[in-house]
């Protein structure tokens, strides 16, 4: 019920909501994370001033990894204690950074113009970046299973990769006509469920 637009909601440790808030007039100029109460009313901005943030993941009580589609699409770390935002790698896919299980690190997809994308790692202690593995050709979306396996999807097939291996293994294939262009977005904490996104085709009449 607000005049602004909100997306990418997550629950904060104190039970409020964190969302990306923007207005149509300032789209691609000023949009960023805000804290809302559970009734949907905005409480405060997370950043010290207008910025451009597309996606985020909370790292701890004071810091966030964020994707910034400003002058360049970069993966960045925001420290709420100092109000500083630092870019570490670019150009990256317009997706939220992924927490890597069992590591103090996040992953993201670095993209190029011909689809030779790479899954990369940002070490949260040293702030060094490194390559984990090549992404499936032309794809950007990946998720982590609890035991440290990466999951990606292409066409009607799910693939997995266990670093330091760099070769993808086919895990499942779907015959359902609505699952022919899938992306693997989220693995459940127990590793027993996977959320897939796939465009729905309209039946011909």
Protein backbone atom coordinates (compact mmCIF):
# COMPACT_ATOMS: atom_id res chain seq x y z
CA UNK A 1 0.00 0.00 0.00
CA UNK A 2 2.97 2.34 -0.51
CA UNK A 3 3.58 4.66 -3.48
CA UNK A 4 7.03 3.09 -3.92
CA UNK A 5 7.83 -0.29 -5.44
CA UNK A 6 9.43 -3.04 -3.33
CA UNK A 7 11.06 -6.34 -4.24
CA UNK A 8 13.50 -8.98 -2.94
CA UNK A 9 12.12 -9.19 0.63
CA UNK A 10 14.01 -11.02 3.38
CA UNK A 11 13.31 -11.23 7.11
CA UNK A 12 15.76 -9.37 9.34
CA UNK A 13 17.03 -10.85 12.64
CA UNK A 14 14.63 -8.62 14.60
CA UNK A 15 11.60 -9.76 12.58
CA UNK A 16 11.20 -6.83 10.20
CA UNK A 17 11.55 -6.96 6.42
CA UNK A 18 14.44 -5.82 4.27
CA UNK A 19 13.48 -4.96 0.69
CA UNK A 20 14.82 -3.14 -2.32
CA UNK A 21 12.74 0.06 -2.52
CA UNK A 22 12.44 2.29 -5.56
CA UNK A 23 10.10 4.68 -7.32
CA UNK A 24 9.39 4.47 -11.05
CA UNK A 25 10.73 8.01 -11.59
CA UNK A 26 14.15 7.10 -10.18
CA UNK A 27 14.50 3.54 -11.45
CA UNK A 28 18.17 2.88 -12.35
CA UNK A 29 19.13 6.11 -10.58
CA UNK A 30 18.20 5.63 -6.93
CA UNK A 31 17.09 2.31 -5.54
CA UNK A 32 18.33 0.51 -2.50
CA UNK A 33 17.58 -1.60 0.57
CA UNK A 34 15.13 -0.40 3.21
CA UNK A 35 13.78 -1.83 6.45
CA UNK A 36 9.99 -2.22 6.62
CA UNK A 37 7.79 -3.47 9.46
CA UNK A 38 5.67 -6.59 9.01
CA UNK A 39 2.69 -4.41 8.10
CA UNK A 40 4.56 -3.10 5.07
CA UNK A 41 5.40 0.38 6.34
CA UNK A 42 8.90 1.75 5.59
CA UNK A 43 11.00 2.44 8.69
CA UNK A 44 14.47 3.49 7.49
CA UNK A 45 16.99 3.13 4.71
CA UNK A 46 19.96 0.81 5.16
CA UNK A 47 22.37 2.92 3.13
CA UNK A 48 23.40 6.39 4.35
CA UNK A 49 21.97 8.04 1.23
CA UNK A 50 20.50 7.31 -2.20
CA UNK A 51 22.48 4.65 -4.02
CA UNK A 52 21.88 2.01 -6.63
CA UNK A 53 21.62 -1.55 -5.31
CA UNK A 54 19.81 -4.33 -7.12
CA UNK A 55 20.26 -7.39 -4.88
CA UNK A 56 21.85 -8.16 -1.54
CA UNK A 57 22.66 -10.81 1.05
CA UNK A 58 23.19 -10.16 4.76
CA UNK A 59 26.65 -11.28 5.91
CA UNK A 60 26.38 -10.44 9.62
CA UNK A 61 24.84 -7.80 11.87
CA UNK A 62 26.75 -4.94 10.24
CA UNK A 63 27.66 -5.88 6.67
CA UNK A 64 26.06 -6.91 3.41
CA UNK A 65 27.21 -8.18 0.03
CA UNK A 66 25.42 -6.26 -2.71
CA UNK A 67 25.11 -6.14 -6.47
CA UNK A 68 25.36 -2.55 -7.73
CA UNK A 69 24.12 -1.78 -11.26
CA UNK A 70 25.43 1.80 -11.20
CA UNK A 71 28.22 2.86 -13.57
CA UNK A 72 29.11 -0.84 -13.78
CA UNK A 73 27.43 -3.98 -12.45
CA UNK A 74 29.72 -4.82 -9.54
CA UNK A 75 29.72 -7.04 -6.47
CA UNK A 76 30.32 -4.86 -3.41
CA UNK A 77 30.51 -4.98 0.38
CA UNK A 78 28.60 -2.43 2.45
CA UNK A 79 29.67 -1.80 6.06
CA UNK A 80 26.90 -0.11 8.06
CA UNK A 81 29.32 0.98 10.79
CA UNK A 82 31.31 3.19 8.46
CA UNK A 83 28.70 3.72 5.76
CA UNK A 84 31.22 2.59 3.17
CA UNK A 85 30.46 0.66 -0.03
CA UNK A 86 33.40 -0.93 -1.87
CA UNK A 87 33.24 -2.64 -5.28
CA UNK A 88 35.40 -5.76 -5.71
CA UNK A 89 34.65 -7.32 -9.09
CA UNK A 90 32.77 -6.52 -12.30
CA UNK A 91 30.90 -6.94 -14.58
CA UNK A 92 28.61 -9.31 -12.69
CA UNK A 93 25.18 -10.81 -13.32
CA UNK A 94 22.20 -8.98 -11.86
CA UNK A 95 21.65 -11.56 -9.14
CA UNK A 96 22.14 -11.64 -5.36
CA UNK A 97 25.57 -12.84 -4.16
CA UNK A 98 25.42 -16.38 -2.73
CA UNK A 99 26.75 -17.41 0.69
CA UNK A 100 29.14 -20.35 0.24
CA UNK A 101 28.39 -23.11 2.79
CA UNK A 102 31.11 -23.60 5.40
CA UNK A 103 33.15 -20.63 4.20
CA UNK A 104 33.45 -16.96 5.04
CA UNK A 105 32.89 -16.09 1.40
CA UNK A 106 30.25 -15.35 -1.23
CA UNK A 107 29.99 -16.37 -4.86
CA UNK A 108 28.67 -14.50 -7.86
CA UNK A 109 28.72 -14.83 -11.64
CA UNK A 110 31.07 -12.69 -13.66
CA UNK A 111 29.72 -12.25 -17.18
CA UNK A 112 31.18 -11.53 -20.58
CA UNK A 113 29.66 -10.50 -23.88
CA UNK A 114 29.75 -13.97 -25.47
CA UNK A 115 28.28 -16.01 -22.61
CA UNK A 116 31.55 -17.44 -21.27
CA UNK A 117 30.48 -16.67 -17.72
CA UNK A 118 32.51 -17.64 -14.64
CA UNK A 119 31.42 -18.40 -11.07
CA UNK A 120 33.75 -16.47 -8.78
CA UNK A 121 34.44 -16.18 -5.06
CA UNK A 122 34.90 -13.12 -2.84
CA UNK A 123 36.74 -13.91 0.40
CA UNK A 124 35.11 -11.84 3.14
CA UNK A 125 38.24 -11.83 5.33
CA UNK A 126 40.90 -10.93 2.78
CA UNK A 127 38.54 -9.40 0.15
CA UNK A 128 40.44 -11.35 -2.52
CA UNK A 129 38.52 -12.61 -5.56
CA UNK A 130 39.17 -15.88 -7.39
CA UNK A 131 37.53 -18.18 -9.90
CA UNK A 132 35.63 -21.26 -8.71
CA UNK A 133 34.53 -22.76 -12.02
CA UNK A 134 33.13 -21.90 -15.45
CA UNK A 135 29.37 -21.47 -15.47
CA UNK A 136 27.21 -23.44 -17.86
CA UNK A 137 27.50 -21.73 -21.23
CA UNK A 138 25.27 -18.69 -21.42
CA UNK A 139 23.87 -19.14 -17.89
CA UNK A 140 24.31 -17.01 -14.77
CA UNK A 141 22.05 -18.36 -12.01
CA UNK A 142 23.57 -20.77 -9.49
CA UNK A 143 22.76 -22.03 -6.00
CA UNK A 144 24.69 -23.88 -3.29
CA UNK A 145 23.64 -27.13 -1.66
CA UNK A 146 24.49 -27.39 2.08
CA UNK A 147 27.49 -29.69 1.54
CA UNK A 148 29.22 -27.30 -0.86
CA UNK A 149 27.90 -28.48 -4.23
CA UNK A 150 26.93 -25.90 -6.85
CA UNK A 151 23.64 -26.37 -8.69
CA UNK A 152 22.85 -24.85 -12.09
CA UNK A 153 20.24 -25.57 -14.73
CA UNK A 154 20.05 -25.22 -18.48
CA UNK A 155 17.25 -26.18 -20.82
CA UNK A 156 15.40 -29.01 -19.11
CA UNK A 157 18.39 -30.32 -17.13
CA UNK A 158 19.85 -29.76 -13.66
CA UNK A 159 23.64 -29.96 -13.34
CA UNK A 160 25.86 -30.16 -10.26
CA UNK A 161 29.51 -29.43 -9.59
CA UNK A 162 31.56 -30.03 -6.42
CA UNK A 163 34.57 -27.66 -6.26
CA UNK A 164 37.48 -27.94 -6.82
CA UNK A 165 36.09 -29.96 -9.75
CA UNK A 166 35.40 -27.84 -12.82
CA UNK A 167 33.23 -30.20 -14.87
CA UNK A 168 29.45 -30.16 -14.55
CA UNK A 169 27.57 -33.45 -14.07
CA UNK A 170 24.00 -34.02 -15.19
CA UNK A 171 21.72 -34.67 -12.19
CA UNK A 172 18.14 -34.62 -13.48
CA UNK A 173 16.15 -34.03 -16.67
CA UNK A 174 12.50 -33.02 -17.01
CA UNK A 175 10.03 -33.99 -19.72
CA UNK A 176 7.34 -31.55 -18.52
CA UNK A 177 6.80 -29.00 -21.33
CA UNK A 178 6.73 -26.18 -18.74
CA UNK A 179 10.23 -27.12 -17.52
CA UNK A 180 12.24 -26.69 -20.68
CA UNK A 181 14.05 -23.45 -19.80
CA UNK A 182 14.80 -23.77 -16.09
CA UNK A 183 17.04 -21.91 -13.65
CA UNK A 184 18.03 -23.33 -10.26
CA UNK A 185 17.55 -20.56 -7.69
CA UNK A 186 17.46 -21.87 -4.11
CA UNK A 187 18.34 -25.12 -2.33
CA UNK A 188 16.63 -25.77 1.00
CA UNK A 189 18.78 -25.79 4.18
CA UNK A 190 18.48 -29.60 4.38
CA UNK A 191 19.43 -29.99 0.73
CA UNK A 192 16.29 -31.96 -0.09
CA UNK A 193 14.35 -29.36 -2.12
CA UNK A 194 15.20 -27.04 -4.99
CA UNK A 195 13.28 -24.03 -6.26
CA UNK A 196 13.28 -23.85 -10.05
CA UNK A 197 12.19 -20.90 -12.17
CA UNK A 198 10.91 -21.52 -15.68
CA UNK A 199 8.85 -19.34 -18.04
CA UNK A 200 5.34 -20.65 -18.56
CA UNK A 201 4.23 -20.96 -22.16
CA UNK A 202 0.63 -20.10 -23.05
CA UNK A 203 -1.24 -23.01 -24.66
CA UNK A 204 -2.18 -22.40 -28.29
CA UNK A 205 -5.85 -21.89 -28.94
